[in-house]
Amino acid sequence: MTRHPGPRAPRRTASPVLLFLAALLALLPALSVLTAPGARAADGDPAVSLSKKEAGKGGEITVSGSGWRAEALLMLLICGQSTPERGVVGGTNSCANADGRAVTTDKKGAFSKKLPVTEPPKPCPCVVHVATVTGEQALADAVFTVAGHPTADLPEQTGDGKLAVLATTRLEGDSSLLTWFGAPPARRLVFTVGNLGSAPVKDPVFEIGTAHGVYAPQWEERQWRGTVAPGAKAQIKLPVELSAGAHGDYQVSLRYGEKVLAEQPWGVGRPWGVTLFWVLLCLVVPAAVFRIGMAVVDKVRPRPAGSHRTRTPATRRRPKRRGRTGTGAGRDATTAPGATTGATTNAATTTDATTDATTAVLPWFTPDSAPSENRSRLTTKGQA
């Protein structure tokens, strides 16, 4: 018996869309593996490593870091009297601030920068202190030894000393005349603190932050010299200074440790002296340029023809014509009877020369039409 094969069932093929989705799901684990290290580096704790653990003054080391915020501005300092566990005792007053270096992290939060080795103002143990300058605060320390630098034990911890502001803060001081012309405005932040702990607080280091508008405050360390005993209080005055030409509404903040103790608004007036200076400059300079330009134009412009004849020596001597009336009239009334005939002759000759020069200067007069005393007067009608 022969079996005839029946019609075959159609074979199902996968849709292209389903194939694309399946391939994408297969690639997701690989993509997560590729992107995970970068994310961990950005989200991890900041770390610092040094090319050398010890170097002498005048040398150079390379400081590298990772795990920092992307494109953050950092400050590198060599600090004395510090350890990674206790941090920088005494703040940046224990660091070689003049020889510090600034660096900006890359998009992955890493950096590498050369740092010159210098002796800090405090004895070792020393560290290389790395901290952010702006934005959210982050810091890290790496143990470092400055060869040949003195070594001393760290000061004892103050225990449970805690400072708190007991009264309202205020700003003291007035602006000087130079501030009206753009000098940096300066004040003193006055506040009263009390020690709520059980141990004294010696030479506390505060931080003063100034913020303008929506920008984050810029913090600067200010150390107060003195000791606040447990249960005691003290009035503290710290200087506050803004940049040159600053004006508008500012916010002054006071921070001790990681806690903000107080905030004080500060309204700074506009330096109108600078505006007045520019206004006067815009008025005086064009006026001076205009005067100089007019003087130059008056010097170089061409003179009209014949203008040089308007002022001649003959014109100035014209009043002498009154003396030429005759032999007797031409003589001055104050002349002595014994005057020489030569002097009279010279005066007559000079007068004739002056008259001729005057006649030459006045072209509308001709020798025939010039007035003369010898010409007979014309008779009018009806006169003989």
Protein backbone atom coordinates (compact mmCIF):
# COMPACT_ATOMS: atom_id res chain seq x y z
CA MET A 1 0.00 0.00 0.00
CA THR A 2 1.55 3.28 -1.06
CA ARG A 3 1.28 6.26 1.23
CA HIS A 4 0.93 9.62 -0.40
CA PRO A 5 2.39 12.44 1.62
CA GLY A 6 -0.19 15.00 2.64
CA PRO A 7 0.23 18.75 2.56
CA ARG A 8 2.92 20.03 4.93
CA ALA A 9 2.00 22.50 7.68
CA PRO A 10 3.40 26.01 7.12
CA ARG A 11 6.58 26.78 9.12
CA ARG A 12 6.29 29.79 11.46
CA THR A 13 9.07 32.42 11.16
CA ALA A 14 9.94 34.97 13.86
CA SER A 15 8.99 38.57 13.27
CA PRO A 16 11.89 41.05 12.68
CA VAL A 17 10.62 43.20 15.54
CA LEU A 18 10.79 40.30 17.94
CA LEU A 19 14.31 39.48 16.78
CA PHE A 20 15.42 43.10 17.39
CA LEU A 21 13.94 43.13 20.89
CA ALA A 22 15.62 39.84 21.73
CA ALA A 23 19.00 41.16 20.57
CA LEU A 24 18.54 44.34 22.59
CA LEU A 25 17.72 42.37 25.73
CA ALA A 26 20.82 40.29 25.19
CA LEU A 27 23.02 43.41 24.94
CA LEU A 28 21.69 45.10 28.07
CA PRO A 29 23.93 43.16 30.50
CA ALA A 30 26.98 44.01 28.40
CA LEU A 31 26.07 47.71 28.38
CA SER A 32 25.60 47.70 32.14
CA VAL A 33 29.02 46.12 32.58
CA LEU A 34 30.64 48.80 30.42
CA THR A 35 29.02 51.71 32.22
CA ALA A 36 29.26 50.37 35.78
CA PRO A 37 32.95 51.26 36.46
CA GLY A 38 32.50 54.90 35.51
CA ALA A 39 29.42 55.24 37.70
CA ARG A 40 31.15 53.63 40.63
CA ALA A 41 34.11 55.98 40.24
CA ALA A 42 31.86 59.02 40.25
CA ASP A 43 29.68 57.83 43.14
CA GLY A 44 32.49 56.40 45.31
CA ASP A 45 34.39 58.10 48.11
CA PRO A 46 37.14 60.55 47.05
CA ALA A 47 40.59 58.97 47.09
CA VAL A 48 44.10 60.42 46.83
CA SER A 49 47.39 58.68 46.00
CA LEU A 50 50.95 60.02 45.92
CA SER A 51 53.90 59.13 43.71
CA LYS A 52 56.23 59.42 46.75
CA LYS A 53 55.56 59.05 50.45
CA GLU A 54 58.58 61.16 51.44
CA ALA A 55 60.50 63.98 49.78
CA GLY A 56 62.62 66.94 50.80
CA LYS A 57 62.03 70.64 50.37
CA GLY A 58 62.45 71.70 46.75
CA GLY A 59 61.36 68.35 45.35
CA GLU A 60 58.18 67.49 43.50
CA ILE A 61 55.53 64.79 43.79
CA THR A 62 52.57 63.76 41.64
CA VAL A 63 49.17 63.73 43.31
CA SER A 64 46.46 61.58 41.70
CA GLY A 65 42.84 61.15 42.70
CA SER A 66 39.62 59.40 41.75
CA GLY A 67 36.03 59.26 42.91
CA TRP A 68 35.62 63.06 42.95
CA ARG A 69 32.78 65.04 41.47
CA ALA A 70 33.07 65.50 37.72
CA GLU A 71 34.70 68.78 36.62
CA ALA A 72 35.18 69.97 40.20
CA LEU A 73 37.81 72.53 41.22
CA LEU A 74 40.19 71.14 43.86
CA MET A 75 42.96 72.65 45.98
CA LEU A 76 46.13 70.65 46.80
CA LEU A 77 48.07 71.61 49.94
CA ILE A 78 50.84 70.17 52.12
CA CYS A 79 49.71 70.56 55.73
CA GLY A 80 51.50 69.98 58.99
CA GLN A 81 50.11 68.87 62.35
CA SER A 82 47.62 66.64 60.54
CA THR A 83 46.65 63.01 60.06
CA PRO A 84 43.99 61.40 57.85
CA GLU A 85 42.13 60.31 61.00
CA ARG A 86 41.96 63.73 62.71
CA GLY A 87 42.19 65.87 59.63
CA VAL A 88 44.01 69.19 59.47
CA VAL A 89 44.27 70.48 63.04
CA GLY A 90 43.99 74.25 63.06
CA GLY A 91 42.55 74.51 59.55
CA THR A 92 44.52 75.78 56.60
CA ASN A 93 46.69 77.85 58.95
CA SER A 94 48.73 74.65 59.30
CA CYS A 95 49.24 74.39 55.51
CA ALA A 96 51.70 75.87 53.03
CA ASN A 97 49.05 77.95 51.29
CA ALA A 98 51.45 79.96 49.15
CA ASP A 99 52.73 76.82 47.39
CA GLY A 100 49.39 75.09 46.85
CA ARG A 101 48.09 74.03 43.46
CA ALA A 102 44.62 73.98 41.90
CA VAL A 103 43.32 71.28 39.57
CA THR A 104 40.03 70.45 37.85
CA THR A 105 38.80 66.89 37.67
CA ASP A 106 37.79 65.29 34.38
CA LYS A 107 34.37 63.92 33.45
CA LYS A 108 35.10 60.71 35.37
CA GLY A 109 36.09 62.54 38.56
CA ALA A 110 39.83 61.80 38.28
CA PHE A 111 42.86 64.08 38.23
CA SER A 112 46.66 64.10 38.26
CA LYS A 113 48.76 67.11 39.26
CA LYS A 114 52.38 67.82 40.18
CA LEU A 115 52.85 69.49 43.59
CA PRO A 116 56.10 71.14 44.78
CA VAL A 117 57.36 70.00 48.16
CA THR A 118 57.61 72.77 50.74
CA GLU A 119 57.71 72.95 54.50
CA PRO A 120 54.39 73.77 56.19
CA PRO A 121 54.25 76.28 59.08
CA LYS A 122 53.46 73.51 61.57
CA PRO A 123 55.61 70.45 62.40
CA CYS A 124 54.86 67.02 61.03
CA PRO A 125 53.06 64.55 60.97
CA CYS A 126 52.07 65.95 57.57
CA VAL A 127 49.51 65.13 54.89
CA VAL A 128 48.67 66.16 51.37
CA HIS A 129 45.27 67.78 51.81
CA VAL A 130 42.88 67.79 48.84
CA ALA A 131 39.53 69.61 49.14
CA THR A 132 36.89 71.07 46.85
CA VAL A 133 36.84 74.83 46.41
CA THR A 134 33.25 75.35 45.26
CA GLY A 135 30.02 73.41 45.50
CA GLU A 136 29.45 70.49 47.84
CA GLN A 137 32.36 70.07 50.23
CA ALA A 138 34.52 66.97 49.90
CA LEU A 139 38.06 66.32 51.11
CA ALA A 140 40.67 63.60 51.42
CA ASP A 141 44.13 63.37 53.03
CA ALA A 142 47.15 61.24 52.21
CA VAL A 143 50.06 60.66 54.61
CA PHE A 144 53.24 62.42 53.51
CA THR A 145 56.60 63.12 55.18
CA VAL A 146 58.64 66.24 54.49
CA ALA A 147 62.27 65.17 54.91
CA GLY A 148 64.17 67.38 57.34
CA HIS A 149 61.06 69.06 58.72
CA PRO A 150 60.54 69.06 62.53
CA THR A 151 58.15 66.52 64.03
CA ALA A 152 55.93 66.98 67.09
CA ASP A 153 53.00 65.25 68.73
CA LEU A 154 49.50 66.29 67.81
CA PRO A 155 47.71 68.58 70.30
CA GLU A 156 45.28 66.92 72.62
CA GLN A 157 41.68 66.85 71.57
CA THR A 158 39.38 69.29 73.27
CA GLY A 159 36.85 66.59 74.18
CA ASP A 160 33.15 67.34 73.96
CA GLY A 161 33.37 71.10 73.50
CA LYS A 162 30.41 72.41 71.50
CA LEU A 163 29.86 75.99 70.40
CA ALA A 164 26.47 77.56 69.74
CA VAL A 165 25.43 81.10 68.86
CA LEU A 166 23.56 82.68 71.79
CA ALA A 167 22.62 86.08 70.34
CA THR A 168 21.66 87.61 67.03
CA THR A 169 24.59 88.26 64.72
CA ARG A 170 25.23 91.69 63.27
CA LEU A 171 27.59 93.44 60.88
CA GLU A 172 29.65 96.36 62.16
CA GLY A 173 31.53 98.98 60.21
CA ASP A 174 30.89 101.62 57.55
CA SER A 175 31.93 102.02 53.97
CA SER A 176 34.72 104.48 53.20
CA LEU A 177 34.92 106.94 50.34
CA LEU A 178 37.04 104.46 48.38
CA THR A 179 34.19 101.95 48.51
CA TRP A 180 32.05 104.49 46.65
CA PHE A 181 34.66 104.26 43.87
CA GLY A 182 34.78 100.43 43.74
CA ALA A 183 37.01 99.42 46.67
CA PRO A 184 36.17 96.06 48.33
CA PRO A 185 33.39 96.48 50.95
CA ALA A 186 34.45 95.24 54.40
CA ARG A 187 32.60 94.62 57.67
CA ARG A 188 33.03 92.75 60.94
CA LEU A 189 30.68 89.90 61.81
CA VAL A 190 29.90 90.16 65.51
CA PHE A 191 28.28 87.27 67.39
CA THR A 192 28.26 85.69 70.83
CA VAL A 193 28.96 81.98 71.28
CA GLY A 194 28.61 79.72 74.28
CA ASN A 195 30.32 76.42 75.03
CA LEU A 196 27.59 73.84 75.68
CA GLY A 197 30.04 70.96 76.09
CA SER A 198 32.10 69.65 78.98
CA ALA A 199 35.53 70.56 77.62
CA PRO A 200 37.10 73.92 76.74
CA VAL A 201 37.38 75.02 73.12
CA LYS A 202 40.73 76.62 72.32
CA ASP A 203 41.41 78.77 69.24
CA PRO A 204 38.31 77.67 67.30
CA VAL A 205 38.40 77.90 63.51
CA PHE A 206 35.22 79.29 61.93
CA GLU A 207 34.26 79.54 58.28
CA ILE A 208 32.72 82.66 56.77
CA GLY A 209 30.70 82.19 53.58
CA THR A 210 29.42 84.95 51.28
CA ALA A 211 26.71 84.17 48.72
CA HIS A 212 25.22 86.45 46.08
CA GLY A 213 21.90 85.59 44.45
CA VAL A 214 21.48 81.91 43.62
CA TYR A 215 25.20 81.09 43.79
CA ALA A 216 26.64 78.83 46.48
CA PRO A 217 28.58 80.56 49.28
CA GLN A 218 32.33 80.94 49.02
CA TRP A 219 33.86 79.79 52.32
CA GLU A 220 36.95 81.26 53.94
CA GLU A 221 38.48 80.16 57.22
CA ARG A 222 38.81 82.61 60.11
CA GLN A 223 40.54 81.59 63.34
CA TRP A 224 39.67 83.24 66.63
CA ARG A 225 42.40 83.37 69.26
CA GLY A 226 41.11 82.50 72.66
CA THR A 227 39.53 79.80 74.82
CA VAL A 228 35.88 79.30 75.63
CA ALA A 229 35.51 77.42 78.92
CA PRO A 230 32.63 74.94 79.49
CA GLY A 231 29.44 76.87 80.22
CA ALA A 232 31.08 80.21 79.35
CA LYS A 233 30.37 82.57 76.51
CA ALA A 234 32.47 84.93 74.45
CA GLN A 235 31.91 87.69 71.91
CA ILE A 236 33.71 87.08 68.64
CA LYS A 237 34.40 89.52 65.81
CA LEU A 238 35.51 88.15 62.45
CA PRO A 239 36.35 90.22 59.34
CA VAL A 240 34.21 89.86 56.23
CA GLU A 241 35.30 91.26 52.87
CA LEU A 242 33.76 91.13 49.39
CA SER A 243 35.39 91.51 46.01
CA ALA A 244 36.07 94.91 44.43
CA GLY A 245 33.02 96.53 42.89
CA ALA A 246 30.57 94.18 44.64
CA HIS A 247 27.02 95.47 45.03
CA GLY A 248 23.58 94.03 45.62
CA ASP A 249 22.12 91.65 48.20
CA TYR A 250 24.56 89.23 49.87
CA GLN A 251 24.13 86.51 52.47
CA VAL A 252 26.87 86.06 55.08
CA SER A 253 26.94 82.62 56.73
CA LEU A 254 28.86 81.42 59.77
CA ARG A 255 29.89 77.78 60.01
CA TYR A 256 31.73 75.84 62.71
CA GLY A 257 32.69 72.32 61.82
CA GLU A 258 29.91 70.95 59.63
CA LYS A 259 27.13 73.03 61.17
CA VAL A 260 25.94 76.46 60.01
CA LEU A 261 25.52 78.57 63.14
CA ALA A 262 24.04 81.80 61.75
CA GLU A 263 23.18 83.73 58.60
CA GLN A 264 23.15 87.50 58.17
CA PRO A 265 21.89 89.50 55.13
CA TRP A 266 24.06 92.28 53.78
CA GLY A 267 22.86 94.90 51.32
CA VAL A 268 25.75 96.54 49.50
CA GLY A 269 25.14 99.80 47.65
CA ARG A 270 26.21 100.40 44.09
CA PRO A 271 29.56 102.22 43.66
CA TRP A 272 28.14 105.35 42.03
CA GLY A 273 31.56 106.98 41.96
CA VAL A 274 32.60 104.60 39.20
CA THR A 275 29.47 105.49 37.22
CA LEU A 276 30.14 109.20 37.71
CA PHE A 277 33.72 108.74 36.58
CA TRP A 278 32.67 107.06 33.33
CA VAL A 279 30.01 109.70 32.68
CA LEU A 280 32.54 112.50 33.11
CA LEU A 281 35.02 110.60 30.98
CA CYS A 282 32.46 110.28 28.18
CA LEU A 283 31.84 114.04 28.33
CA VAL A 284 35.36 115.39 28.81
CA VAL A 285 37.17 113.22 26.29
CA PRO A 286 34.88 114.04 23.32
CA ALA A 287 35.03 117.76 24.22
CA ALA A 288 38.83 117.68 24.36
CA VAL A 289 39.02 115.78 21.08
CA PHE A 290 36.68 118.32 19.48
CA ARG A 291 38.78 121.26 20.66
CA ILE A 292 41.98 119.64 19.42
CA GLY A 293 40.37 118.85 16.08
CA MET A 294 39.15 122.41 15.62
CA ALA A 295 42.61 123.76 16.42
CA VAL A 296 44.17 121.43 13.84
CA VAL A 297 41.58 122.40 11.22
CA ASP A 298 42.20 126.10 11.88
CA LYS A 299 45.92 125.52 11.38
CA VAL A 300 45.78 123.54 8.14
CA ARG A 301 42.83 125.20 6.35
CA PRO A 302 43.81 127.32 3.27
CA ARG A 303 43.74 131.13 3.58
CA PRO A 304 41.68 133.21 1.06
CA ALA A 305 43.67 135.18 -1.57
CA GLY A 306 44.72 138.69 -0.46
CA SER A 307 43.97 138.10 3.21
CA HIS A 308 47.63 138.67 4.07
CA ARG A 309 47.32 142.31 2.88
CA THR A 310 44.67 143.27 5.40
CA ARG A 311 47.21 143.89 8.11
CA THR A 312 50.33 145.73 6.93
CA PRO A 313 52.74 148.13 8.56
CA ALA A 314 51.33 150.91 6.34
CA THR A 315 47.89 150.46 7.90
CA ARG A 316 49.30 150.91 11.38
CA ARG A 317 51.13 154.11 10.31
CA ARG A 318 48.05 155.60 8.66
CA PRO A 319 47.32 158.14 11.44
CA LYS A 320 50.60 159.95 10.53
CA ARG A 321 48.89 161.35 7.41
CA ARG A 322 47.39 164.10 9.55
CA GLY A 323 50.79 165.76 9.85
CA ARG A 324 51.28 166.38 6.07
CA THR A 325 49.53 169.79 5.50
CA GLY A 326 52.39 171.99 4.47
CA THR A 327 55.73 173.37 5.49
CA GLY A 328 54.43 175.03 8.61
CA ALA A 329 51.61 172.60 9.46
CA GLY A 330 53.77 169.49 9.17
CA ARG A 331 55.87 170.64 12.05
CA ASP A 332 54.89 169.40 15.46
CA ALA A 333 53.66 172.02 17.89
CA THR A 334 56.05 170.79 20.53
CA THR A 335 59.07 170.95 18.21
CA ALA A 336 61.67 173.47 19.25
CA PRO A 337 62.27 176.43 16.97
CA GLY A 338 65.86 175.37 16.52
CA ALA A 339 65.10 171.94 15.03
CA THR A 340 67.20 171.04 11.99
CA THR A 341 65.79 171.10 8.49
CA GLY A 342 67.09 167.56 7.86
CA ALA A 343 64.79 166.06 10.49
CA THR A 344 61.82 167.80 8.90
CA THR A 345 62.85 166.54 5.49
CA ASN A 346 63.15 162.94 6.76
CA ALA A 347 59.70 163.13 8.38
CA ALA A 348 58.19 164.40 5.13
CA THR A 349 59.90 161.64 3.16
CA THR A 350 58.58 159.00 5.59
CA THR A 351 55.07 160.44 5.33
CA ASP A 352 55.21 160.37 1.53
CA ALA A 353 56.34 156.76 1.55
CA THR A 354 53.51 155.87 3.92
CA THR A 355 50.98 157.61 1.70
CA ASP A 356 52.24 155.79 -1.38
CA ALA A 357 52.06 152.44 0.42
CA THR A 358 48.53 153.23 1.58
CA THR A 359 47.48 154.17 -1.93
CA ALA A 360 48.91 150.91 -3.22
CA VAL A 361 46.99 148.92 -0.59
CA LEU A 362 43.65 150.53 -1.53
CA PRO A 363 43.05 149.63 -5.19
CA TRP A 364 39.75 151.51 -5.46
CA PHE A 365 41.60 154.79 -5.14
CA THR A 366 43.63 156.05 -8.12
CA PRO A 367 46.08 158.91 -8.10
CA ASP A 368 43.60 161.04 -10.05
CA SER A 369 40.63 160.33 -7.83
CA ALA A 370 42.43 160.59 -4.47
CA PRO A 371 41.31 163.59 -2.39
CA SER A 372 43.72 166.52 -2.59
CA GLU A 373 43.84 169.82 -0.82
CA ASN A 374 45.05 171.68 -3.96
CA ARG A 375 42.01 170.70 -6.04
CA SER A 376 39.47 173.53 -6.23
CA ARG A 377 36.12 172.92 -4.74
CA LEU A 378 33.34 172.24 -7.20
CA THR A 379 30.69 174.94 -7.43
CA THR A 380 27.10 174.07 -7.09
CA LYS A 381 24.37 175.30 -9.31
CA GLY A 382 23.65 178.94 -8.84
CA GLN A 383 27.13 179.88 -7.64
CA ALA A 384 29.56 181.81 -9.79
